Protein backbone atom coordinates (compact mmCIF):
# COMPACT_ATOMS: atom_id res chain seq x y z
CA UNK A 1 0.16 12.53 -12.99
CA UNK A 2 -3.43 12.97 -14.17
CA UNK A 3 -6.41 10.63 -14.33
CA UNK A 4 -9.69 11.13 -16.14
CA UNK A 5 -12.72 9.34 -14.67
CA UNK A 6 -15.33 9.47 -17.41
CA UNK A 7 -18.93 8.53 -18.15
CA UNK A 8 -20.25 8.85 -14.58
CA UNK A 9 -23.22 10.23 -12.75
CA UNK A 10 -21.31 12.72 -10.65
CA UNK A 11 -22.76 13.31 -7.17
CA UNK A 12 -20.58 16.12 -5.80
CA UNK A 13 -22.61 17.04 -2.73
CA UNK A 14 -25.94 16.61 -0.96
CA UNK A 15 -27.95 18.58 -3.51
CA UNK A 16 -26.84 18.10 -7.11
CA UNK A 17 -25.83 15.44 -9.63
CA UNK A 18 -25.00 15.41 -13.33
CA UNK A 19 -23.62 13.16 -16.05
CA UNK A 20 -20.03 13.81 -16.90
CA UNK A 21 -16.35 13.25 -16.17
CA UNK A 22 -13.75 14.40 -13.64
CA UNK A 23 -10.10 15.20 -14.23
CA UNK A 24 -7.78 14.51 -11.29
CA UNK A 25 -4.29 15.97 -11.26
CA UNK A 26 -1.54 15.70 -8.64
CA UNK A 27 -3.94 14.24 -6.09
CA UNK A 28 -6.53 17.02 -6.42
CA UNK A 29 -9.78 17.48 -8.33
CA UNK A 30 -8.76 19.60 -11.31
CA UNK A 31 -11.95 20.06 -13.34
CA UNK A 32 -15.40 18.72 -14.25
CA UNK A 33 -16.81 18.04 -17.73
CA UNK A 34 -20.51 17.71 -18.43
CA UNK A 35 -21.66 15.13 -20.94
CA UNK A 36 -21.13 16.30 -24.50
CA UNK A 37 -18.12 18.51 -23.81
CA UNK A 38 -14.66 17.75 -25.16
CA UNK A 39 -12.52 15.75 -22.74
CA UNK A 40 -8.87 16.57 -22.05
CA UNK A 41 -5.80 14.40 -22.49
CA UNK A 42 -4.69 12.55 -19.35
CA UNK A 43 -2.06 10.05 -18.22
CA UNK A 44 -4.73 7.49 -17.33
CA UNK A 45 -8.44 6.90 -17.89
CA UNK A 46 -10.97 5.16 -15.63
CA UNK A 47 -14.21 4.13 -17.32
CA UNK A 48 -17.14 4.98 -15.06
CA UNK A 49 -19.67 2.88 -17.01
CA UNK A 50 -22.54 5.10 -15.96
CA UNK A 51 -21.99 4.45 -12.24
CA UNK A 52 -22.29 7.02 -9.48
CA UNK A 53 -19.11 8.97 -8.69
CA UNK A 54 -19.12 10.09 -5.05
CA UNK A 55 -16.68 11.57 -2.56
CA UNK A 56 -14.93 8.84 -0.58
CA UNK A 57 -16.76 7.90 2.60
CA UNK A 58 -15.36 8.93 5.99
CA UNK A 59 -15.77 6.77 9.10
CA UNK A 60 -15.25 8.87 12.23
CA UNK A 61 -16.07 6.05 14.67
CA UNK A 62 -14.03 2.92 14.05
CA UNK A 63 -12.24 0.81 16.71
CA UNK A 64 -10.46 -1.56 14.35
CA UNK A 65 -10.88 -4.25 11.70
CA UNK A 66 -9.26 -7.41 10.27
CA UNK A 67 -8.06 -8.57 13.68
CA UNK A 68 -6.44 -5.23 14.61
CA UNK A 69 -7.62 -3.07 17.52
CA UNK A 70 -6.57 0.58 17.62
CA UNK A 71 -5.93 0.27 21.35
CA UNK A 72 -2.84 -1.80 20.50
CA UNK A 73 0.23 -1.27 18.31
CA UNK A 74 -0.92 1.98 16.66
CA UNK A 75 1.32 2.14 13.58
CA UNK A 76 0.81 -1.48 12.56
CA UNK A 77 -2.92 -1.34 13.27
CA UNK A 78 -3.33 1.84 11.22
CA UNK A 79 -1.33 0.33 8.35
CA UNK A 80 -3.36 -2.86 8.15
CA UNK A 81 -6.79 -1.36 8.66
CA UNK A 82 -6.15 1.49 6.21
CA UNK A 83 -5.18 -0.97 3.46
CA UNK A 84 -8.43 -2.86 3.89
CA UNK A 85 -10.72 0.17 4.07
CA UNK A 86 -10.13 1.12 0.43
CA UNK A 87 -11.94 -2.11 -0.49
CA UNK A 88 -14.94 -0.81 1.49
CA UNK A 89 -15.18 2.68 -0.01
CA UNK A 90 -13.83 4.35 3.13
CA UNK A 91 -11.09 6.77 2.08
CA UNK A 92 -10.48 8.44 5.47
CA UNK A 93 -11.09 7.42 9.08
CA UNK A 94 -10.61 8.16 12.76
CA UNK A 95 -9.03 5.66 15.18
CA UNK A 96 -11.50 5.28 18.06
CA UNK A 97 -10.08 4.22 21.43
CA UNK A 98 -11.99 2.51 24.23
CA UNK A 99 -11.34 3.57 27.82
CA UNK A 100 -7.98 2.72 29.41
CA UNK A 101 -6.00 4.19 32.31
CA UNK A 102 -4.80 7.78 32.02
CA UNK A 103 -1.17 6.72 31.71
CA UNK A 104 -2.02 4.15 29.03
CA UNK A 105 -4.09 6.68 27.08
CA UNK A 106 -1.26 9.23 27.17
CA UNK A 107 1.14 6.51 26.02
CA UNK A 108 -1.14 5.63 23.10
CA UNK A 109 -1.58 9.28 22.13
CA UNK A 110 2.17 9.71 22.18
CA UNK A 111 2.45 6.83 19.72
CA UNK A 112 -0.38 8.11 17.52
CA UNK A 113 1.25 11.54 17.20
CA UNK A 114 4.11 9.90 15.28
CA UNK A 115 2.03 7.53 13.15
CA UNK A 116 3.03 7.76 9.50
CA UNK A 117 0.37 7.71 6.83
CA UNK A 118 0.32 4.22 5.27
CA UNK A 119 1.07 4.04 1.57
CA UNK A 120 -1.59 3.05 -0.98
CA UNK A 121 -4.30 3.11 1.67
CA UNK A 122 -7.12 5.04 3.31
CA UNK A 123 -6.10 8.18 5.20
CA UNK A 124 -5.75 8.31 8.99
CA UNK A 125 -7.32 11.54 10.26
CA UNK A 126 -6.54 11.30 13.97
CA UNK A 127 -7.81 9.87 17.23
CA UNK A 128 -11.31 9.72 18.68
CA UNK A 129 -11.12 9.04 22.42
CA UNK A 130 -14.40 7.48 23.52
CA UNK A 131 -14.06 8.63 27.12
CA UNK A 132 -12.77 8.52 29.80
CA UNK A 133 -15.23 11.09 31.20
CA UNK A 134 -18.33 8.92 30.81
CA UNK A 135 -21.23 7.63 32.90
CA UNK A 136 -20.76 4.35 34.76
CA UNK A 137 -24.51 3.77 34.46
CA UNK A 138 -24.27 3.90 30.65
CA UNK A 139 -20.78 2.45 30.31
CA UNK A 140 -21.82 -0.32 27.87
CA UNK A 141 -18.65 -2.43 27.60
CA UNK A 142 -16.27 0.28 28.85
CA UNK A 143 -14.06 -0.64 31.82
CA UNK A 144 -15.64 1.43 34.62
CA UNK A 145 -12.39 1.33 36.60
CA UNK A 146 -11.29 4.33 34.53
CA UNK A 147 -14.57 6.25 34.20
CA UNK A 148 -14.43 9.50 36.15
CA UNK A 149 -15.08 13.23 36.30
CA UNK A 150 -13.07 15.45 33.93
CA UNK A 151 -9.77 16.92 35.02
CA UNK A 152 -8.08 19.87 33.29
CA UNK A 153 -4.64 18.67 34.34
CA UNK A 154 -5.36 15.31 32.68
CA UNK A 155 -6.51 17.15 29.55
CA UNK A 156 -3.22 19.01 29.50
CA UNK A 157 -1.35 15.70 29.81
CA UNK A 158 -3.34 14.27 26.90
CA UNK A 159 -2.66 17.28 24.70
CA UNK A 160 1.06 17.22 25.44
CA UNK A 161 1.15 13.53 24.56
CA UNK A 162 -1.05 13.82 21.48
CA UNK A 163 0.34 16.86 19.74
CA UNK A 164 -2.47 17.57 17.30
CA UNK A 165 -3.66 13.98 16.77
CA UNK A 166 -6.48 14.04 19.38
CA UNK A 167 -9.43 15.24 17.31
CA UNK A 168 -12.67 13.97 18.91
CA UNK A 169 -13.70 13.03 22.44
CA UNK A 170 -16.95 11.50 23.67
CA UNK A 171 -18.12 12.95 26.99
CA UNK A 172 -21.00 12.67 29.47
CA UNK A 173 -22.05 16.28 30.16
CA UNK A 174 -23.56 15.50 33.58
CA UNK A 175 -20.18 14.68 35.09
CA UNK A 176 -18.95 17.12 37.74
CA UNK A 177 -16.61 19.74 36.31
CA UNK A 178 -17.88 19.61 32.72
CA UNK A 179 -18.80 23.31 32.70
CA UNK A 180 -15.08 24.10 32.95
CA UNK A 181 -13.87 21.16 30.85
CA UNK A 182 -16.07 21.72 27.79
CA UNK A 183 -14.91 25.25 26.89
CA UNK A 184 -11.26 24.37 27.53
CA UNK A 185 -11.37 21.27 25.34
CA UNK A 186 -13.11 23.21 22.56
CA UNK A 187 -10.50 25.97 22.90
CA UNK A 188 -7.89 23.26 22.26
CA UNK A 189 -9.68 22.35 19.01
CA UNK A 190 -11.14 19.04 20.24
CA UNK A 191 -14.55 18.15 18.84
CA UNK A 192 -16.79 16.99 21.70
CA UNK A 193 -19.63 14.51 21.27
CA UNK A 194 -22.20 13.46 23.89
CA UNK A 195 -22.38 9.74 24.61
CA UNK A 196 -22.29 6.99 27.23
CA UNK A 197 -24.27 9.41 29.33
CA UNK A 198 -26.96 9.68 32.01
CA UNK A 199 -27.55 13.31 31.07
CA UNK A 200 -30.87 15.06 31.28
CA UNK A 201 -32.13 16.95 28.26
CA UNK A 202 -31.34 20.23 30.04
CA UNK A 203 -27.75 19.19 30.77
CA UNK A 204 -27.25 18.05 27.18
CA UNK A 205 -28.68 21.29 25.83
CA UNK A 206 -26.35 23.28 28.06
CA UNK A 207 -23.41 21.33 26.64
CA UNK A 208 -24.59 21.96 23.07
CA UNK A 209 -24.96 25.65 23.84
CA UNK A 210 -21.35 25.64 25.08
CA UNK A 211 -20.18 24.35 21.71
CA UNK A 212 -20.45 20.56 21.88
CA UNK A 213 -20.89 19.28 18.32
CA UNK A 214 -23.35 16.40 18.65
CA UNK A 215 -23.98 12.83 19.78
CA UNK A 216 -21.98 9.60 19.68
CA UNK A 217 -24.02 6.65 18.31
CA UNK A 218 -27.46 8.19 18.94
CA UNK A 219 -29.81 6.03 21.07
CA UNK A 220 -27.07 3.64 22.20
CA UNK A 221 -25.67 4.09 25.73
CA UNK A 222 -27.58 7.25 26.60
CA UNK A 223 -30.77 8.55 28.18
CA UNK A 224 -33.76 8.32 25.87
CA UNK A 225 -36.66 10.47 24.66
CA UNK A 226 -39.15 9.81 27.47
CA UNK A 227 -42.18 11.99 27.98
CA UNK A 228 -41.56 12.61 31.70
CA UNK A 229 -37.78 12.19 31.73
CA UNK A 230 -36.37 13.81 28.57
CA UNK A 231 -32.77 12.82 28.02
CA UNK A 232 -29.94 12.99 25.50
CA UNK A 233 -32.10 11.80 22.60
CA UNK A 234 -34.64 14.55 23.33
CA UNK A 235 -31.87 17.14 23.15
CA UNK A 236 -30.74 15.72 19.80
CA UNK A 237 -34.26 16.04 18.43
CA UNK A 238 -34.52 19.63 19.67
CA UNK A 239 -31.25 20.79 18.11
CA UNK A 240 -31.20 20.45 14.30
CA UNK A 241 -27.64 21.77 14.18
CA UNK A 242 -26.33 18.88 16.31
CA UNK A 243 -24.70 16.07 14.35
CA UNK A 244 -25.88 12.60 15.35
CA UNK A 245 -23.89 9.45 14.67
CA UNK A 246 -26.10 6.52 13.71
CA UNK A 247 -25.15 2.82 13.49
CA UNK A 248 -27.43 1.50 10.77
CA UNK A 249 -26.84 -2.23 11.03
CA UNK A 250 -30.40 -3.38 11.83
CA UNK A 251 -29.26 -4.35 15.32
CA UNK A 252 -27.98 -1.32 17.24
CA UNK A 253 -30.96 0.72 16.07
CA UNK A 254 -34.19 -0.92 14.86
CA UNK A 255 -35.06 -0.16 11.22
CA UNK A 256 -38.32 1.51 12.31
CA UNK A 257 -36.35 3.80 14.62
CA UNK A 258 -33.96 4.59 11.77
CA UNK A 259 -36.96 5.49 9.61
CA UNK A 260 -38.45 7.68 12.33
CA UNK A 261 -35.09 9.39 12.90
CA UNK A 262 -34.78 10.00 9.19
CA UNK A 263 -38.24 11.61 9.07
CA UNK A 264 -37.46 13.86 12.03
CA UNK A 265 -33.86 14.81 11.19
CA UNK A 266 -33.27 14.26 7.51
CA UNK A 267 -29.78 13.94 6.01
CA UNK A 268 -28.35 17.20 7.35
CA UNK A 269 -28.02 15.90 10.90
CA UNK A 270 -27.21 12.18 10.56
CA UNK A 271 -23.60 10.92 10.46
CA UNK A 272 -23.33 7.32 9.34
CA UNK A 273 -20.67 5.35 11.21
CA UNK A 274 -19.71 1.71 11.63
CA UNK A 275 -18.50 1.58 15.29
CA UNK A 276 -16.72 -1.51 13.97
CA UNK A 277 -14.32 -3.53 16.11
CA UNK A 278 -11.44 -5.86 15.29
CA UNK A 279 -13.78 -8.66 14.18
CA UNK A 280 -14.83 -6.80 11.04
CA UNK A 281 -13.53 -8.64 8.02
CA UNK A 282 -12.74 -11.70 10.13
CA UNK A 283 -14.44 -15.12 10.46
CA UNK A 284 -17.24 -15.57 12.98
CA UNK A 285 -15.95 -16.58 16.40
CA UNK A 286 -14.57 -15.25 19.67
CA UNK A 287 -12.62 -11.99 19.98
CA UNK A 288 -11.47 -9.84 22.89
CA UNK A 289 -12.72 -6.24 22.80
CA UNK A 290 -12.36 -3.77 25.67
CA UNK A 291 -10.93 -6.64 27.75
CA UNK A 292 -14.17 -8.63 27.31
CA UNK A 293 -14.66 -11.92 25.49
CA UNK A 294 -17.07 -11.31 22.63
CA UNK A 295 -18.65 -13.42 19.93
CA UNK A 296 -18.98 -12.24 16.35
CA UNK A 297 -21.89 -13.63 14.36
CA UNK A 298 -22.19 -12.07 10.93
CA UNK A 299 -22.11 -8.31 11.36
CA UNK A 300 -23.13 -8.35 15.04
CA UNK A 301 -20.90 -8.69 18.10
CA UNK A 302 -22.01 -9.44 21.66
CA UNK A 303 -20.26 -9.92 24.98
CA UNK A 304 -20.37 -13.66 25.67
CA UNK A 305 -21.12 -13.34 29.38
CA UNK A 306 -23.88 -10.73 29.22
CA UNK A 307 -25.13 -10.63 25.63
CA UNK A 308 -24.48 -6.86 25.52
CA UNK A 309 -23.77 -5.31 22.11
CA UNK A 310 -20.02 -4.88 21.57
CA UNK A 311 -19.58 -2.67 18.53
CA UNK A 312 -20.40 -3.86 15.04
CA UNK A 313 -18.78 -5.55 12.08
CA UNK A 314 -20.45 -3.59 9.29
CA UNK A 315 -18.67 -1.59 6.62
CA UNK A 316 -19.66 1.88 5.44
CA UNK A 317 -21.01 0.21 2.30
CA UNK A 318 -23.27 -1.87 4.55
CA UNK A 319 -24.35 1.29 6.36
CA UNK A 320 -25.42 3.14 3.21
CA UNK A 321 -27.11 0.06 1.74
CA UNK A 322 -29.13 -0.41 4.94
CA UNK A 323 -29.98 3.29 5.06
CA UNK A 324 -31.25 3.12 1.48
CA UNK A 325 -33.26 -0.02 2.26
CA UNK A 326 -34.86 1.42 5.41
CA UNK A 327 -35.59 4.98 4.26
CA UNK A 328 -35.37 5.06 0.45
CA UNK A 329 -33.01 8.00 0.78
CA UNK A 330 -31.42 9.44 -2.36
CA UNK A 331 -27.82 9.16 -3.54
CA UNK A 332 -27.38 12.83 -2.60
CA UNK A 333 -28.63 12.05 0.90
CA UNK A 334 -26.02 9.31 1.15
CA UNK A 335 -23.27 11.77 0.23
CA UNK A 336 -24.56 14.12 2.92
CA UNK A 337 -24.61 11.44 5.66
CA UNK A 338 -21.53 9.38 4.75
CA UNK A 339 -19.21 12.04 3.34
CA UNK A 340 -20.12 15.67 4.06
CA UNK A 341 -21.34 15.41 7.66
CA UNK A 342 -18.46 13.25 8.92
CA UNK A 343 -16.00 15.57 7.17
CA UNK A 344 -17.52 18.50 9.04
CA UNK A 345 -17.36 16.71 12.41
CA UNK A 346 -13.73 15.78 11.71
CA UNK A 347 -12.99 19.37 10.61
CA UNK A 348 -11.66 18.31 7.22
CA UNK A 349 -14.49 19.60 5.03
CA UNK A 350 -12.18 22.25 3.57
CA UNK A 351 -10.39 19.43 1.73
CA UNK A 352 -12.58 16.30 1.87
CA UNK A 353 -16.22 15.19 1.94
CA UNK A 354 -17.46 16.69 -1.34
CA UNK A 355 -16.31 16.88 -4.94
CA UNK A 356 -15.00 20.38 -5.57
CA UNK A 357 -12.17 21.77 -7.63
CA UNK A 358 -9.05 21.91 -5.47
CA UNK A 359 -10.22 19.35 -2.91
CA UNK A 360 -8.42 16.05 -2.34
CA UNK A 361 -9.23 13.45 -4.98
CA UNK A 362 -10.81 10.89 -2.65
CA UNK A 363 -13.44 9.28 -4.88
CA UNK A 364 -15.53 6.13 -5.17
CA UNK A 365 -17.70 4.61 -7.87
CA UNK A 366 -20.91 2.85 -6.82
CA UNK A 367 -23.36 0.98 -9.02
CA UNK A 368 -27.12 1.45 -8.82
CA UNK A 369 -27.29 -1.08 -5.95
CA UNK A 370 -24.62 0.86 -4.02
CA UNK A 371 -21.99 -1.81 -4.57
CA UNK A 372 -18.42 -0.55 -4.66
CA UNK A 373 -16.72 -0.60 -8.07
CA UNK A 374 -13.69 1.66 -7.62
CA UNK A 375 -11.76 3.64 -4.98
CA UNK A 376 -9.30 6.49 -5.41
CA UNK A 377 -7.40 8.11 -2.51
CA UNK A 378 -5.44 11.31 -3.06
CA UNK A 379 -5.52 10.73 -6.79
CA UNK A 380 -4.26 7.15 -6.56
CA UNK A 381 -6.41 4.33 -7.95
CA UNK A 382 -6.42 1.70 -5.20
CA UNK A 383 -9.36 -0.61 -5.83
CA UNK A 384 -11.22 -1.95 -8.86
CA UNK A 385 -14.05 -4.47 -8.80
């Protein structure tokens, strides 16, 4: 089965773009055709209408959507969320889990290892465990009953339960025992991100030097860039190779701070995420998230009792539109931050995140206002506007 997507502005990566067409065959990108060259025969044709053709966006920090929370009923939650994400331009995603007991986490991982890819939907890439080895001081809405120092025996339990589905873990590097935990987790092919942490800059730098990849939702739930008490944010600014998740919803991180971060880091370091919870795609009202009663109002969510931020309800389309509004970044920059960088953090860049011959045909069409017009996943046309 082949599909020709024609008359597009093709944005294959963070550097280049050109007018042309793309031939997709058997779920892979087969070939590119610049404007003016003869186009091949194909089983189907999608008219690009001069819109931007990008790699599908990848959300590596997502707790749920449409009333489904990834902490419950894994297969059904993955099925329902994945079907909805294609309407948001997200073609692949991680299932992020909030902190639960060790036994419950192992039980969930055991279920996730057998999750089947949903049909006609976005692709499930694996699990992101946000904890449990986090700071109680910077717990945000995490249940501090289960926050603790790392334990190699527990890691072994998790790995036995998970098979190869545990991909990312958020850690606080100041916790006792991290010097032993970090290299062992990395050896087991887990990507580690710093977050929910009281770390000093020095402790964070030590973790980065040990192989930690970057920072979970930069600025939120971590020590800041203070002139006499440099913290996690300082370490992020000092290490241009560290990937930094950013929630660009106008609420988690002020637009001026987004602009300043953009000026200091540029697109190579920023990973756009949603950190969305089950209220995304649902009516405003009350929802339970991390065992706390929360209220969703528009794209923001807050704990009713304390007013604390409780994830977001933005889509990746919202994230790139806000990023464009705040920074005037280019379409190539958007590909870098929403496609390439998350693919690298998720360790799937060999097959996703950019448009290259032989890579998976996960593609989206966006108009000049970054509104979604079309989504393809693994060569299958799944959404038209």
